Amino acid sequence: MKKFLLSASAIVAAAAASTSAFAADLPARTYTKAPAYTAPAVVYNWTGFYIGGHVGGAFGDSNSLVGDSGRFMGGVQGGFDYQFATNWVLGIEANYSWMGSNNTGFVYPNGTTVTGNSNELGSVTGRLGYTWGPTMLYAKGGYAWRGNNDLTVTSLVPATPVGIDGNSKSGYTVGGGLEYMFTPNWSGKIEYQYYNFGNTTLTSTAFPAGSTSFNNDEHTIKAGLNYRFGWGGPMVAKY
């Protein structure tokens, strides 16, 4: 028994000596730094319906019957956007604006006056946008309509007939803007929109040259706020 214990002790001592020698031959262990934390990227989803409101101003050009002085405007809009690629959005929007009255016009040397007033604008447009993050830059264009486009001619010569060519309620509109999505359901925008309803020509002996013509257009600048229903889902994190 004594010889067995001595033999076992010798085997254990030899094994320990071999393990120590093998460990001494191993290279030193290198320290590896843990990778830095990277926050997940946020994907902004523009797909869905929206409604909102806007305020701003409208003005014509120097040959517009309503004049080039500014008028207050406010209204509502609604539409649908579809994000068909990572950075592209296609949409359709309906817009209605009410404007303050403007009874300016033209006064001719012989005393004839022409005045007009139009205090409603509407449009149905398509729009194409390019997005990066929560921001979208877009262009738009389509059908335009105006309401209450009253036209009045007053002449010092009584019962003078006046021929009217134009003065349409329908036209076209083009524009563009910048929209920013500051929460999954809310976005704000700044937009320029130009409305054109052609020209109106008046022909009568009441005018010195026999006829006169003016433009029917409006330049508008507005700021708007939209509530988005998130039909396509909320903003999500992309890992």
Protein backbone atom coordinates (compact mmCIF):
# COMPACT_ATOMS: atom_id res chain seq x y z
CA MET A 1 0.00 0.00 0.00
CA LYS A 2 2.82 2.34 0.84
CA LYS A 3 4.49 1.67 -2.48
CA PHE A 4 1.17 2.35 -4.27
CA LEU A 5 0.73 5.73 -2.59
CA LEU A 6 4.28 6.76 -3.40
CA SER A 7 3.81 5.78 -7.04
CA ALA A 8 0.53 7.76 -7.30
CA SER A 9 2.14 10.83 -5.75
CA ALA A 10 4.99 10.62 -8.23
CA ILE A 11 2.54 10.42 -11.16
CA VAL A 12 0.57 13.49 -9.95
CA ALA A 13 3.78 15.49 -9.43
CA ALA A 14 5.02 14.58 -12.90
CA ALA A 15 1.68 15.57 -14.47
CA ALA A 16 1.69 18.94 -12.65
CA ALA A 17 5.24 19.64 -13.78
CA SER A 18 4.34 18.83 -17.41
CA THR A 19 1.24 21.15 -17.32
CA SER A 20 3.31 24.03 -15.91
CA ALA A 21 5.96 23.55 -18.61
CA PHE A 22 3.29 23.49 -21.37
CA ALA A 23 1.62 26.62 -20.00
CA ALA A 24 4.95 28.42 -19.91
CA ASP A 25 5.43 27.69 -23.61
CA LEU A 26 2.03 29.27 -24.59
CA PRO A 27 2.07 32.87 -25.97
CA ALA A 28 0.73 35.71 -23.83
CA ARG A 29 -3.05 36.27 -24.13
CA THR A 30 -3.93 39.45 -26.06
CA TYR A 31 -6.70 41.87 -24.92
CA THR A 32 -9.48 42.52 -27.43
CA LYS A 33 -11.58 45.69 -26.98
CA ALA A 34 -15.33 45.20 -27.26
CA PRO A 35 -16.86 46.87 -30.36
CA ALA A 36 -18.44 50.27 -29.83
CA TYR A 37 -22.24 50.39 -29.59
CA THR A 38 -23.91 51.58 -32.77
CA ALA A 39 -27.43 52.89 -32.50
CA PRO A 40 -29.89 51.33 -34.98
CA ALA A 41 -30.76 53.42 -38.03
CA VAL A 42 -34.26 54.91 -38.13
CA VAL A 43 -36.33 54.34 -41.26
CA TYR A 44 -39.01 56.97 -41.92
CA ASN A 45 -42.15 55.62 -43.57
CA TRP A 46 -44.07 58.22 -45.61
CA THR A 47 -46.74 55.82 -46.89
CA GLY A 48 -50.26 56.66 -45.75
CA PHE A 49 -53.13 59.15 -45.71
CA TYR A 50 -52.88 62.61 -44.15
CA ILE A 51 -54.97 65.72 -43.46
CA GLY A 52 -53.89 69.16 -42.33
CA GLY A 53 -54.17 72.92 -42.54
CA HIS A 54 -52.12 75.85 -43.79
CA VAL A 55 -51.73 79.64 -43.57
CA GLY A 56 -49.82 82.03 -45.79
CA GLY A 57 -50.14 84.78 -48.37
CA ALA A 58 -51.16 85.23 -52.03
CA PHE A 59 -50.27 87.90 -54.58
CA GLY A 60 -50.56 88.45 -58.33
CA ASP A 61 -48.11 90.02 -60.78
CA SER A 62 -48.08 93.58 -62.11
CA ASN A 63 -50.58 92.79 -64.88
CA SER A 64 -52.96 90.81 -62.70
CA LEU A 65 -56.42 92.20 -62.11
CA VAL A 66 -56.13 91.52 -58.38
CA GLY A 67 -52.84 93.42 -58.24
CA ASP A 68 -49.49 92.51 -56.74
CA SER A 69 -50.33 93.38 -53.14
CA GLY A 70 -50.37 90.48 -50.72
CA ARG A 71 -53.48 88.89 -49.25
CA PHE A 72 -53.84 86.57 -46.30
CA MET A 73 -54.82 82.99 -47.08
CA GLY A 74 -55.66 79.92 -45.05
CA GLY A 75 -57.12 76.53 -45.75
CA VAL A 76 -56.98 72.76 -45.54
CA GLN A 77 -55.35 69.92 -47.44
CA GLY A 78 -55.44 66.15 -47.54
CA GLY A 79 -53.86 63.39 -49.55
CA PHE A 80 -52.07 60.08 -49.78
CA ASP A 81 -48.35 59.30 -50.13
CA TYR A 82 -46.71 56.06 -51.24
CA GLN A 83 -43.01 55.44 -50.61
CA PHE A 84 -42.11 53.18 -53.52
CA ALA A 85 -38.33 53.15 -53.01
CA THR A 86 -35.87 53.91 -50.24
CA ASN A 87 -35.77 57.63 -51.03
CA TRP A 88 -38.74 58.29 -53.34
CA VAL A 89 -42.35 59.18 -52.54
CA LEU A 90 -45.28 59.51 -54.97
CA GLY A 91 -48.50 61.16 -53.83
CA ILE A 92 -51.75 62.94 -54.63
CA GLU A 93 -53.14 65.94 -52.75
CA ALA A 94 -56.34 68.03 -52.68
CA ASN A 95 -56.03 71.60 -51.44
CA TYR A 96 -58.54 74.36 -50.64
CA SER A 97 -57.61 77.92 -49.65
CA TRP A 98 -59.65 80.95 -48.71
CA MET A 99 -58.14 84.41 -49.39
CA GLY A 100 -58.96 87.88 -48.17
CA SER A 101 -60.94 90.10 -50.55
CA ASN A 102 -59.06 92.36 -52.94
CA ASN A 103 -61.08 94.78 -55.02
CA THR A 104 -58.21 96.37 -56.89
CA GLY A 105 -58.28 96.76 -60.67
CA PHE A 106 -57.50 99.11 -63.54
CA VAL A 107 -58.66 102.69 -64.08
CA TYR A 108 -58.36 104.09 -67.63
CA PRO A 109 -57.93 107.74 -68.67
CA ASN A 110 -61.49 107.99 -69.97
CA GLY A 111 -62.88 106.95 -66.58
CA THR A 112 -63.59 103.29 -67.35
CA THR A 113 -62.75 100.99 -64.45
CA VAL A 114 -62.30 97.22 -64.35
CA THR A 115 -62.34 95.48 -60.98
CA GLY A 116 -62.25 91.86 -59.99
CA ASN A 117 -62.27 89.72 -56.90
CA SER A 118 -61.49 86.07 -56.37
CA ASN A 119 -61.20 84.76 -52.82
CA GLU A 120 -61.10 80.97 -53.22
CA LEU A 121 -58.44 78.64 -54.64
CA GLY A 122 -58.51 74.88 -54.99
CA SER A 123 -56.30 72.27 -56.58
CA VAL A 124 -55.84 68.54 -57.10
CA THR A 125 -52.20 67.73 -57.76
CA GLY A 126 -49.78 64.89 -58.00
CA ARG A 127 -46.44 65.23 -56.28
CA LEU A 128 -43.07 63.53 -56.38
CA GLY A 129 -40.71 63.73 -53.44
CA TYR A 130 -37.16 62.75 -52.57
CA THR A 131 -36.49 61.92 -48.91
CA TRP A 132 -33.45 61.72 -46.72
CA GLY A 133 -34.14 60.87 -43.10
CA PRO A 134 -37.19 62.79 -41.86
CA THR A 135 -36.98 65.42 -44.65
CA MET A 136 -38.68 65.38 -48.05
CA LEU A 137 -38.14 67.79 -50.93
CA TYR A 138 -40.99 67.63 -53.46
CA ALA A 139 -42.48 69.08 -56.64
CA LYS A 140 -46.20 69.14 -57.46
CA GLY A 141 -48.55 70.06 -60.29
CA GLY A 142 -52.07 69.55 -61.59
CA TYR A 143 -55.57 70.99 -61.88
CA ALA A 144 -56.51 74.33 -60.31
CA TRP A 145 -59.87 75.97 -59.62
CA ARG A 146 -60.91 79.40 -58.34
CA GLY A 147 -64.19 80.60 -56.93
CA ASN A 148 -66.03 83.92 -56.78
CA ASN A 149 -64.06 85.37 -59.69
CA ASP A 150 -66.26 88.42 -59.99
CA LEU A 151 -65.52 90.86 -62.84
CA THR A 152 -67.04 94.34 -62.99
CA VAL A 153 -66.67 96.97 -65.75
CA THR A 154 -67.87 100.52 -65.06
CA SER A 155 -67.98 103.01 -67.92
CA LEU A 156 -68.92 106.69 -68.10
CA VAL A 157 -70.64 105.88 -71.39
CA PRO A 158 -73.99 104.30 -70.50
CA ALA A 159 -75.14 101.02 -72.04
CA THR A 160 -71.76 100.29 -73.58
CA PRO A 161 -71.49 96.57 -74.48
CA VAL A 162 -68.34 94.76 -73.32
CA GLY A 163 -67.07 91.55 -74.89
CA ILE A 164 -65.31 89.16 -72.48
CA ASP A 165 -62.86 86.51 -73.67
CA GLY A 166 -61.43 84.34 -70.90
CA ASN A 167 -62.05 84.78 -67.18
CA SER A 168 -62.02 81.01 -66.67
CA LYS A 169 -62.52 79.33 -63.30
CA SER A 170 -60.29 76.40 -64.29
CA GLY A 171 -56.54 76.38 -64.84
CA TYR A 172 -53.33 74.68 -63.73
CA THR A 173 -50.95 74.89 -60.82
CA VAL A 174 -47.30 73.98 -60.19
CA GLY A 175 -45.15 74.29 -57.11
CA GLY A 176 -42.84 72.65 -54.65
CA GLY A 177 -41.86 72.55 -51.03
CA LEU A 178 -40.01 71.02 -48.13
CA GLU A 179 -41.70 68.75 -45.58
CA TYR A 180 -40.26 67.49 -42.29
CA MET A 181 -41.59 64.52 -40.27
CA PHE A 182 -40.90 65.39 -36.63
CA THR A 183 -42.93 62.48 -35.17
CA PRO A 184 -44.35 59.30 -36.75
CA ASN A 185 -47.74 61.04 -37.14
CA TRP A 186 -46.94 64.74 -37.57
CA SER A 187 -45.13 66.65 -40.29
CA GLY A 188 -44.73 70.33 -41.14
CA LYS A 189 -44.10 71.92 -44.53
CA ILE A 190 -43.23 75.15 -46.31
CA GLU A 191 -44.59 75.40 -49.86
CA TYR A 192 -44.71 77.67 -52.90
CA GLN A 193 -47.57 77.18 -55.36
CA TYR A 194 -48.34 79.07 -58.56
CA TYR A 195 -51.87 79.17 -60.02
CA ASN A 196 -52.61 80.21 -63.62
CA PHE A 197 -56.08 80.69 -65.09
CA GLY A 198 -55.08 82.20 -68.43
CA ASN A 199 -55.76 85.74 -69.64
CA THR A 200 -58.95 87.76 -69.83
CA THR A 201 -59.49 90.21 -72.70
CA LEU A 202 -62.21 92.87 -72.64
CA THR A 203 -63.31 94.48 -75.91
CA SER A 204 -65.44 97.61 -75.96
CA THR A 205 -65.58 101.19 -77.21
CA ALA A 206 -65.39 102.09 -73.54
CA PHE A 207 -61.64 101.40 -73.63
CA PRO A 208 -59.26 103.89 -75.25
CA ALA A 209 -57.59 101.24 -77.42
CA GLY A 210 -60.77 99.27 -77.96
CA SER A 211 -59.64 96.37 -75.78
CA THR A 212 -57.61 95.53 -72.70
CA SER A 213 -56.11 92.33 -71.35
CA PHE A 214 -54.85 91.15 -67.98
CA ASN A 215 -53.48 87.99 -66.35
CA ASN A 216 -55.36 85.66 -64.04
CA ASP A 217 -52.71 84.20 -61.77
CA GLU A 218 -51.75 83.86 -58.13
CA HIS A 219 -48.45 83.24 -56.37
CA THR A 220 -48.86 81.65 -52.94
CA ILE A 221 -46.48 80.92 -50.08
CA LYS A 222 -47.76 78.90 -47.14
CA ALA A 223 -46.75 76.95 -44.07
CA GLY A 224 -48.71 73.82 -43.23
CA LEU A 225 -49.10 71.09 -40.64
CA ASN A 226 -50.19 67.52 -41.49
CA TYR A 227 -51.44 64.66 -39.35
CA ARG A 228 -50.40 61.31 -40.84
CA PHE A 229 -52.45 58.19 -40.19
CA GLY A 230 -49.49 55.87 -40.74
CA TRP A 231 -51.23 53.39 -43.04
CA GLY A 232 -47.81 52.03 -43.97
CA GLY A 233 -46.70 51.64 -40.35
CA PRO A 234 -44.70 53.83 -37.96
CA MET A 235 -41.03 54.75 -38.10
CA VAL A 236 -38.98 51.62 -37.39
CA ALA A 237 -35.40 50.92 -36.37
CA LYS A 238 -33.25 49.12 -38.94
CA TYR A 239 -30.43 46.99 -37.58
